[in-house]
Amino acid sequence: MKLNILYGALAIAASFSLNATASESLRIATFNVSMDATNHTPKGEQVNPDALVNALKSNHQQIKNIAEIIQRVRPDIILLNEFDYVPKAQGIDYFKRQFLNVSQNKQDPIDYPYSFIAPVNTGLATEFDLDNNGKKTAVMGDAQGFGFFEGHYAMAILSKYPINLEKLRTLQTFKYKDMPNAQMPIDPKTKENWYNTQEWQALRLSSKSFWDVPVVVNNKTVHVLASHPTPPVFDGDEDRNGKRNHDEVRLIADYVANKAYIYDDNGQKGGLKASSRFVILGDLNAAPEGDKARVETTNQILNNPLINSQFIPQSAGAKEQYPQPYAKYFTANWQARVDYVLPSTYGFKIHDGGVFWPTKNSEQYRLIKDRNASSDHRLVWLDLLIE
């Protein structure tokens, strides 16, 4: 499959990086920025696929706040979840040029000469009634991944370091049926498989996509493993979204373990080779504790010997705001840890990390005081020393 990608290579004279040093220190982050069309379409109106681009052209305050947060944390590599993919409009270029490259509230501009954005499964129409509500709407619940239009709730990667496009892999078209022992949801009324034979043959595993983006940092390759599994809610007793979320996270674990059943969009088989440096990034929509916990799902990566999960980024803001003893680890304002930066045990030492969640007495609290200020998620980052 020929990748339809947008590759940003805008060079600016100064990098402004505070973290890319000779000691090979790397600051890497994930941020669900809520920069999708539903958040930029007036209530009561039909979701407009151009809503994000229109907002980018209007000097939108929420987007300015998102850019300011990124300028304050200054990651070298960052994954943006819920950033719409609109091929002709090239929204990621607008965001870089009009917001990140421009000082926000007296912060130093930040430049990312390299970027990657590609098609996703959200809003990709099917001919089936996948949500079994008796209506074939093609999109939303009947799309390959929930979305109002193709490219809705997509994702993008920004990097100060070169991206090796020749080695880049995407698993957008990987079929759910091709995962051994995949979790088929069962209709609680009929006790039959939720998806019929035709649907199961056509359904893709990733609700958005799964990417292996090799970034070259001082002649060493760091595999950025990016995804955004479906929320394990918005369904019924069949738990179809919960099961899919589990298996989307399982794909991450199987990819780093180089399982033979995996194939990418170009037909290449297997996952990562042993002794590969990787960092798992994304809003995985699965929490390891609390009333939203999906422990069987998160254990696949948090208890994985190939993945270093010992250091948990935290914030004083979440600890102040919520009573749970583990609240300091929350990454979303709906009281859960669901956004992850998880490096491989091979090739890295974790130096530091955190969650951008200012306390209420901080001047920066205005950036996260509600979901309209920036997002209902927080930026999560780690400082890694490359060995």
Protein backbone atom coordinates (compact mmCIF):
# COMPACT_ATOMS: atom_id res chain seq x y z
CA MET A 1 0.00 0.00 0.00
CA LYS A 2 1.43 3.33 -0.97
CA LEU A 3 1.41 5.65 2.00
CA ASN A 4 -0.40 8.91 1.54
CA ILE A 5 1.58 11.12 3.89
CA LEU A 6 2.25 14.71 4.60
CA TYR A 7 5.85 15.25 5.54
CA GLY A 8 6.85 18.57 6.99
CA ALA A 9 10.39 19.76 6.39
CA LEU A 10 10.20 23.46 7.12
CA ALA A 11 13.61 24.65 8.33
CA ILE A 12 13.97 27.63 10.66
CA ALA A 13 17.31 29.19 11.54
CA ALA A 14 17.12 28.49 15.26
CA SER A 15 15.88 25.26 16.86
CA PHE A 16 15.23 26.69 20.34
CA SER A 17 15.72 23.18 21.81
CA LEU A 18 16.74 23.12 25.45
CA ASN A 19 17.03 19.34 25.58
CA ALA A 20 18.89 18.03 22.50
CA THR A 21 22.35 18.07 23.96
CA ALA A 22 25.60 16.30 23.28
CA SER A 23 24.81 13.87 26.12
CA GLU A 24 21.96 12.51 23.96
CA SER A 25 19.20 13.54 26.30
CA LEU A 26 15.78 13.31 24.70
CA ARG A 27 12.54 14.88 25.91
CA ILE A 28 9.60 13.00 24.42
CA ALA A 29 5.92 13.65 25.03
CA THR A 30 2.36 12.69 24.23
CA PHE A 31 -0.59 15.09 24.25
CA ASN A 32 -4.23 14.50 23.37
CA VAL A 33 -4.84 18.05 22.19
CA SER A 34 -8.60 17.79 21.42
CA MET A 35 -7.95 19.65 18.17
CA ASP A 36 -10.68 17.81 16.28
CA ALA A 37 -13.66 19.11 14.35
CA THR A 38 -16.23 18.36 17.06
CA ASN A 39 -14.48 20.84 19.36
CA HIS A 40 -14.44 23.52 16.67
CA THR A 41 -17.98 23.15 15.31
CA PRO A 42 -20.72 25.26 16.96
CA LYS A 43 -23.23 23.25 18.99
CA GLY A 44 -26.22 22.15 16.98
CA GLU A 45 -24.41 22.33 13.66
CA GLN A 46 -23.26 19.39 11.55
CA VAL A 47 -19.63 18.49 12.18
CA ASN A 48 -17.54 20.22 9.53
CA PRO A 49 -14.38 18.40 8.34
CA ASP A 50 -12.75 21.80 7.76
CA ALA A 51 -13.50 23.03 11.30
CA LEU A 52 -9.96 22.50 12.59
CA VAL A 53 -8.34 24.26 9.65
CA ASN A 54 -10.80 27.14 9.99
CA ALA A 55 -9.90 27.42 13.67
CA LEU A 56 -6.19 27.35 12.84
CA LYS A 57 -6.72 30.27 10.48
CA SER A 58 -8.67 32.27 13.08
CA ASN A 59 -6.00 32.55 15.80
CA HIS A 60 -8.14 30.39 18.09
CA GLN A 61 -7.44 30.78 21.81
CA GLN A 62 -7.65 27.06 22.64
CA ILE A 63 -5.05 26.34 19.97
CA LYS A 64 -2.86 29.17 21.25
CA ASN A 65 -3.02 27.61 24.72
CA ILE A 66 -2.07 24.20 23.32
CA ALA A 67 0.91 25.79 21.58
CA GLU A 68 1.92 27.63 24.76
CA ILE A 69 1.89 24.38 26.75
CA ILE A 70 4.15 22.77 24.15
CA GLN A 71 6.45 25.82 24.17
CA ARG A 72 6.69 25.62 27.96
CA VAL A 73 7.48 21.89 28.12
CA ARG A 74 9.60 21.95 24.94
CA PRO A 75 9.68 18.28 23.94
CA ASP A 76 12.05 17.16 21.22
CA ILE A 77 9.46 14.69 19.91
CA ILE A 78 5.73 14.87 20.54
CA LEU A 79 2.69 12.85 19.50
CA LEU A 80 -0.53 14.82 19.09
CA ASN A 81 -3.70 12.75 19.46
CA GLU A 82 -7.05 14.05 18.18
CA PHE A 83 -5.53 16.22 15.47
CA ASP A 84 -7.71 15.84 12.36
CA TYR A 85 -6.19 14.52 9.14
CA VAL A 86 -7.36 16.78 6.31
CA PRO A 87 -4.99 15.98 3.41
CA LYS A 88 -5.46 19.02 1.18
CA ALA A 89 -5.50 21.54 4.02
CA GLN A 90 -2.30 20.35 5.72
CA GLY A 91 -3.44 21.53 9.14
CA ILE A 92 -0.23 20.40 10.81
CA ASP A 93 1.70 22.94 8.75
CA TYR A 94 -0.66 25.72 9.87
CA PHE A 95 -0.20 24.67 13.48
CA LYS A 96 3.58 24.70 13.24
CA ARG A 97 3.88 27.91 11.26
CA GLN A 98 1.13 30.03 12.83
CA PHE A 99 1.26 28.84 16.44
CA LEU A 100 4.38 26.89 17.44
CA ASN A 101 6.76 29.10 15.46
CA VAL A 102 5.17 32.18 17.03
CA SER A 103 5.71 33.23 20.65
CA GLN A 104 2.68 32.49 22.81
CA ASN A 105 2.38 34.61 25.96
CA LYS A 106 6.09 35.55 25.84
CA GLN A 107 7.30 31.97 25.49
CA ASP A 108 10.13 31.16 23.10
CA PRO A 109 8.86 29.83 19.76
CA ILE A 110 9.58 26.18 19.07
CA ASP A 111 10.31 24.61 15.70
CA TYR A 112 9.79 21.05 14.52
CA PRO A 113 11.46 20.67 11.11
CA TYR A 114 10.12 17.11 10.77
CA SER A 115 6.56 15.86 11.03
CA PHE A 116 4.43 12.89 10.09
CA ILE A 117 0.69 12.64 9.59
CA ALA A 118 -1.17 9.95 7.66
CA PRO A 119 -4.62 8.44 7.04
CA VAL A 120 -6.47 6.77 9.91
CA ASN A 121 -9.50 4.52 10.24
CA THR A 122 -11.74 6.97 12.08
CA GLY A 123 -14.70 7.94 9.94
CA LEU A 124 -13.64 5.52 7.19
CA ALA A 125 -17.00 4.38 5.84
CA THR A 126 -18.15 0.75 5.68
CA GLU A 127 -21.24 -0.90 4.24
CA PHE A 128 -22.10 -2.59 7.54
CA ASP A 129 -24.20 -1.98 10.64
CA LEU A 130 -21.25 -2.49 12.97
CA ASP A 131 -22.97 -1.10 16.06
CA ASN A 132 -26.04 -3.29 15.42
CA ASN A 133 -28.52 -0.46 15.93
CA GLY A 134 -30.54 -1.39 12.85
CA LYS A 135 -29.21 1.50 10.74
CA LYS A 136 -26.36 1.61 8.24
CA THR A 137 -24.91 5.10 8.57
CA ALA A 138 -21.52 4.28 6.96
CA VAL A 139 -19.72 6.59 9.41
CA MET A 140 -19.81 7.18 13.18
CA GLY A 141 -20.53 3.80 14.83
CA ASP A 142 -20.52 2.00 11.48
CA ALA A 143 -17.14 3.33 10.35
CA GLN A 144 -13.89 1.38 10.71
CA GLY A 145 -13.28 3.63 13.73
CA PHE A 146 -15.81 6.01 15.25
CA GLY A 147 -15.73 9.37 13.50
CA PHE A 148 -17.96 11.80 11.63
CA PHE A 149 -15.69 11.92 8.59
CA GLU A 150 -12.57 10.19 7.29
CA GLY A 151 -9.58 11.50 9.22
CA HIS A 152 -11.54 12.63 12.27
CA TYR A 153 -9.67 12.23 15.61
CA ALA A 154 -6.41 11.52 13.77
CA MET A 155 -2.86 12.02 15.07
CA ALA A 156 0.44 13.62 14.14
CA ILE A 157 4.08 13.45 15.19
CA LEU A 158 6.37 16.47 15.44
CA SER A 159 10.13 16.04 15.77
CA LYS A 160 13.30 18.10 15.99
CA TYR A 161 15.18 15.08 14.68
CA PRO A 162 14.99 13.48 11.22
CA ILE A 163 12.35 10.82 10.55
CA ASN A 164 13.51 7.82 8.51
CA LEU A 165 10.58 7.61 6.09
CA GLU A 166 12.04 4.61 4.27
CA LYS A 167 11.82 2.49 7.44
CA LEU A 168 8.54 3.96 8.71
CA ARG A 169 5.71 1.44 9.13
CA THR A 170 1.95 1.86 9.52
CA LEU A 171 -0.59 -0.83 10.43
CA GLN A 172 -3.77 1.01 9.48
CA THR A 173 -5.18 -1.86 7.39
CA PHE A 174 -4.26 -4.76 9.70
CA LYS A 175 -7.40 -6.90 10.07
CA TYR A 176 -8.83 -7.68 13.49
CA LYS A 177 -9.41 -11.30 12.43
CA ASP A 178 -5.69 -11.78 11.83
CA MET A 179 -4.78 -11.34 15.51
CA PRO A 180 -4.64 -14.83 17.07
CA ASN A 181 -7.25 -15.26 19.82
CA ALA A 182 -8.72 -11.82 19.23
CA GLN A 183 -11.53 -10.92 21.62
CA MET A 184 -14.77 -11.30 19.67
CA PRO A 185 -17.66 -9.54 21.46
CA ILE A 186 -20.79 -11.64 22.01
CA ASP A 187 -24.32 -10.28 21.63
CA PRO A 188 -25.82 -10.73 25.13
CA LYS A 189 -29.32 -11.28 23.67
CA THR A 190 -28.61 -13.79 20.92
CA LYS A 191 -25.40 -15.26 22.43
CA GLU A 192 -23.94 -15.11 18.92
CA ASN A 193 -20.88 -13.26 17.68
CA TRP A 194 -21.48 -9.51 17.60
CA TYR A 195 -19.95 -9.24 14.11
CA ASN A 196 -21.18 -11.45 11.30
CA THR A 197 -18.77 -13.25 9.01
CA GLN A 198 -18.62 -10.47 6.39
CA GLU A 199 -18.08 -7.79 9.04
CA TRP A 200 -15.34 -9.77 10.78
CA GLN A 201 -13.52 -10.29 7.49
CA ALA A 202 -13.55 -6.55 6.80
CA LEU A 203 -13.03 -4.98 10.23
CA ARG A 204 -9.64 -3.42 10.92
CA LEU A 205 -8.09 -3.69 14.37
CA SER A 206 -6.90 -0.11 14.88
CA SER A 207 -9.65 2.41 15.50
CA LYS A 208 -7.21 5.08 14.24
CA SER A 209 -3.90 3.50 13.26
CA PHE A 210 -0.66 2.11 14.66
CA TRP A 211 2.62 3.68 13.60
CA ASP A 212 6.27 2.78 13.99
CA VAL A 213 8.05 6.05 13.24
CA PRO A 214 11.88 5.72 13.35
CA VAL A 215 13.46 8.96 14.52
CA VAL A 216 17.24 9.29 14.12
CA VAL A 217 18.78 10.93 17.19
CA ASN A 218 22.51 11.46 16.84
CA ASN A 219 22.86 8.38 14.61
CA LYS A 220 20.75 6.21 16.91
CA THR A 221 17.26 5.09 15.93
CA VAL A 222 14.36 5.60 18.32
CA HIS A 223 11.16 3.85 17.23
CA VAL A 224 8.20 6.05 18.16
CA LEU A 225 5.25 3.67 18.55
CA ALA A 226 2.15 5.82 18.23
CA SER A 227 -1.50 4.90 18.58
CA HIS A 228 -4.83 5.97 20.08
CA PRO A 229 -7.01 2.94 20.91
CA THR A 230 -10.77 3.33 21.06
CA PRO A 231 -12.35 4.33 24.40
CA PRO A 232 -13.57 1.18 26.21
CA VAL A 233 -17.02 2.72 26.70
CA PHE A 234 -19.95 3.94 24.54
CA ASP A 235 -21.17 0.37 24.00
CA GLY A 236 -23.31 -2.19 25.88
CA ASP A 237 -22.93 -5.45 27.76
CA GLU A 238 -21.16 -6.93 24.76
CA ASP A 239 -18.22 -4.62 25.62
CA ARG A 240 -17.17 -4.41 21.98
CA ASN A 241 -15.19 -1.22 22.52
CA GLY A 242 -13.58 -2.56 25.68
CA LYS A 243 -12.47 -5.72 23.88
CA ARG A 244 -11.17 -3.73 20.95
CA ASN A 245 -9.27 -1.41 23.29
CA HIS A 246 -7.70 -4.47 24.93
CA ASP A 247 -6.57 -5.87 21.59
CA GLU A 248 -5.30 -2.53 20.28
CA VAL A 249 -3.09 -2.34 23.38
CA ARG A 250 -2.17 -5.99 22.87
CA LEU A 251 -0.95 -5.08 19.37
CA ILE A 252 1.58 -2.74 20.99
CA ALA A 253 2.85 -5.52 23.27
CA ASP A 254 2.98 -8.02 20.41
CA TYR A 255 4.76 -5.55 18.14
CA VAL A 256 7.61 -4.96 20.59
CA ALA A 257 7.81 -8.74 21.07
CA ASN A 258 8.17 -9.19 17.28
CA LYS A 259 5.20 -11.56 16.93
CA ALA A 260 5.17 -13.24 13.53
CA TYR A 261 1.46 -12.76 12.80
CA ILE A 262 1.83 -8.98 12.44
CA TYR A 263 1.98 -7.35 9.00
CA ASP A 264 2.10 -3.69 8.03
CA ASP A 265 0.44 -1.75 5.22
CA ASN A 266 3.25 -2.67 2.81
CA GLY A 267 3.07 -6.38 3.66
CA GLN A 268 6.20 -6.49 5.82
CA LYS A 269 5.83 -9.15 8.51
CA GLY A 270 6.66 -9.09 12.21
CA GLY A 271 7.33 -6.31 14.68
CA LEU A 272 10.45 -4.82 16.22
CA LYS A 273 13.70 -6.69 16.24
CA ALA A 274 15.35 -7.48 19.58
CA SER A 275 17.52 -4.73 21.07
CA SER A 276 15.53 -1.93 19.45
CA ARG A 277 15.07 1.39 21.20
CA PHE A 278 11.40 2.33 21.27
CA VAL A 279 9.04 4.67 23.09
CA ILE A 280 5.31 3.92 23.29
CA LEU A 281 3.26 7.10 23.01
CA GLY A 282 -0.42 7.83 23.07
CA ASP A 283 -3.77 8.21 24.73
CA LEU A 284 -4.34 4.48 25.22
CA ASN A 285 -7.73 5.00 26.87
CA ALA A 286 -6.98 2.38 29.52
CA ALA A 287 -6.30 3.08 33.19
CA PRO A 288 -4.42 0.80 35.61
CA GLU A 289 -6.39 1.84 38.71
CA GLY A 290 -9.62 3.46 39.91
CA ASP A 291 -13.22 3.05 38.83
CA LYS A 292 -12.18 3.23 35.18
CA ALA A 293 -9.47 0.59 35.52
CA ARG A 294 -8.84 -1.92 32.77
CA VAL A 295 -6.09 -3.85 34.52
CA GLU A 296 -6.06 -6.80 32.14
CA THR A 297 -5.48 -4.32 29.34
CA THR A 298 -2.78 -2.18 30.97
CA ASN A 299 -0.92 -5.18 32.42
CA GLN A 300 0.02 -6.12 28.86
CA ILE A 301 2.37 -3.15 28.73
CA LEU A 302 2.94 -2.07 32.34
CA ASN A 303 4.06 -5.56 33.42
CA ASN A 304 5.99 -6.20 30.23
CA PRO A 305 9.73 -6.96 30.68
CA LEU A 306 10.54 -5.22 27.39
CA ILE A 307 8.93 -1.97 28.59
CA ASN A 308 10.19 0.30 31.38
CA SER A 309 7.11 1.35 33.34
CA GLN A 310 8.79 1.90 36.72
CA PHE A 311 8.83 5.69 36.51
CA ILE A 312 5.32 7.16 36.54
CA PRO A 313 5.01 10.83 35.51
CA GLN A 314 2.98 12.87 37.98
CA SER A 315 1.76 16.36 38.77
CA ALA A 316 1.06 18.50 41.82
CA GLY A 317 -2.05 19.87 40.11
CA ALA A 318 -3.93 16.58 39.88
CA LYS A 319 -2.85 15.64 43.41
CA GLU A 320 -4.30 18.92 44.66
CA GLN A 321 -7.54 18.58 42.72
CA TYR A 322 -8.63 15.00 43.42
CA PRO A 323 -8.79 12.94 46.64
CA GLN A 324 -7.60 9.55 45.34
CA PRO A 325 -4.14 8.52 46.66
CA TYR A 326 -3.03 7.85 43.07
CA ALA A 327 -4.50 11.10 41.70
CA LYS A 328 -1.02 12.54 41.16
CA TYR A 329 -0.67 10.11 38.23
CA PHE A 330 -3.84 11.25 36.44
CA THR A 331 -3.42 12.49 32.87
CA ALA A 332 -7.06 13.36 32.11
CA ASN A 333 -9.45 15.62 33.98
CA TRP A 334 -11.99 12.78 34.11
CA GLN A 335 -9.76 11.25 36.78
CA ALA A 336 -7.71 8.57 35.07
CA ARG A 337 -4.20 7.78 33.92
CA VAL A 338 -4.64 6.99 30.24
CA ASP A 339 -1.83 8.86 28.43
CA TYR A 340 1.52 7.10 28.33
CA VAL A 341 5.18 7.63 27.54
CA LEU A 342 6.81 4.22 27.97
CA PRO A 343 10.39 3.59 26.82
CA SER A 344 12.03 0.26 26.11
CA THR A 345 14.11 -1.25 28.89
CA TYR A 346 16.86 -1.50 26.28
CA GLY A 347 18.81 1.58 25.32
CA PHE A 348 17.42 4.21 27.70
CA LYS A 349 17.69 5.53 31.22
CA ILE A 350 14.82 7.64 32.53
CA HIS A 351 16.13 10.90 33.93
CA ASP A 352 12.94 12.80 34.70
CA GLY A 353 9.34 13.27 33.64
CA GLY A 354 6.03 14.82 34.50
CA VAL A 355 2.47 15.76 33.64
CA PHE A 356 1.67 19.38 32.74
CA TRP A 357 -1.01 20.06 35.36
CA PRO A 358 -0.42 23.34 37.22
CA THR A 359 -1.89 23.94 40.67
CA LYS A 360 -4.77 26.38 41.08
CA ASN A 361 -2.57 29.14 42.50
CA SER A 362 -0.25 28.99 39.47
CA GLU A 363 -0.44 31.62 36.74
CA GLN A 364 -0.37 28.72 34.28
CA TYR A 365 -3.58 27.22 35.66
CA ARG A 366 -5.50 29.26 33.08
CA LEU A 367 -4.13 26.85 30.45
CA ILE A 368 -5.96 23.82 31.90
CA LYS A 369 -8.74 25.26 34.07
CA ASP A 370 -11.39 23.52 31.94
CA ARG A 371 -11.47 21.42 28.78
CA ASN A 372 -12.23 24.50 26.67
CA ALA A 373 -8.98 26.13 27.81
CA SER A 374 -6.91 23.45 26.08
CA SER A 375 -7.96 19.81 26.41
CA ASP A 376 -9.46 17.32 28.82
CA HIS A 377 -6.07 15.56 28.71
CA ARG A 378 -2.67 16.76 29.88
CA LEU A 379 0.71 16.71 28.17
CA VAL A 380 2.87 13.87 29.55
CA TRP A 381 6.64 13.86 29.08
CA LEU A 382 9.83 11.97 29.93
CA ASP A 383 13.48 12.95 29.77
CA LEU A 384 15.44 9.97 28.47
CA LEU A 385 19.18 9.39 28.34
CA ILE A 386 20.08 7.34 25.29
CA GLU A 387 22.60 4.63 26.05
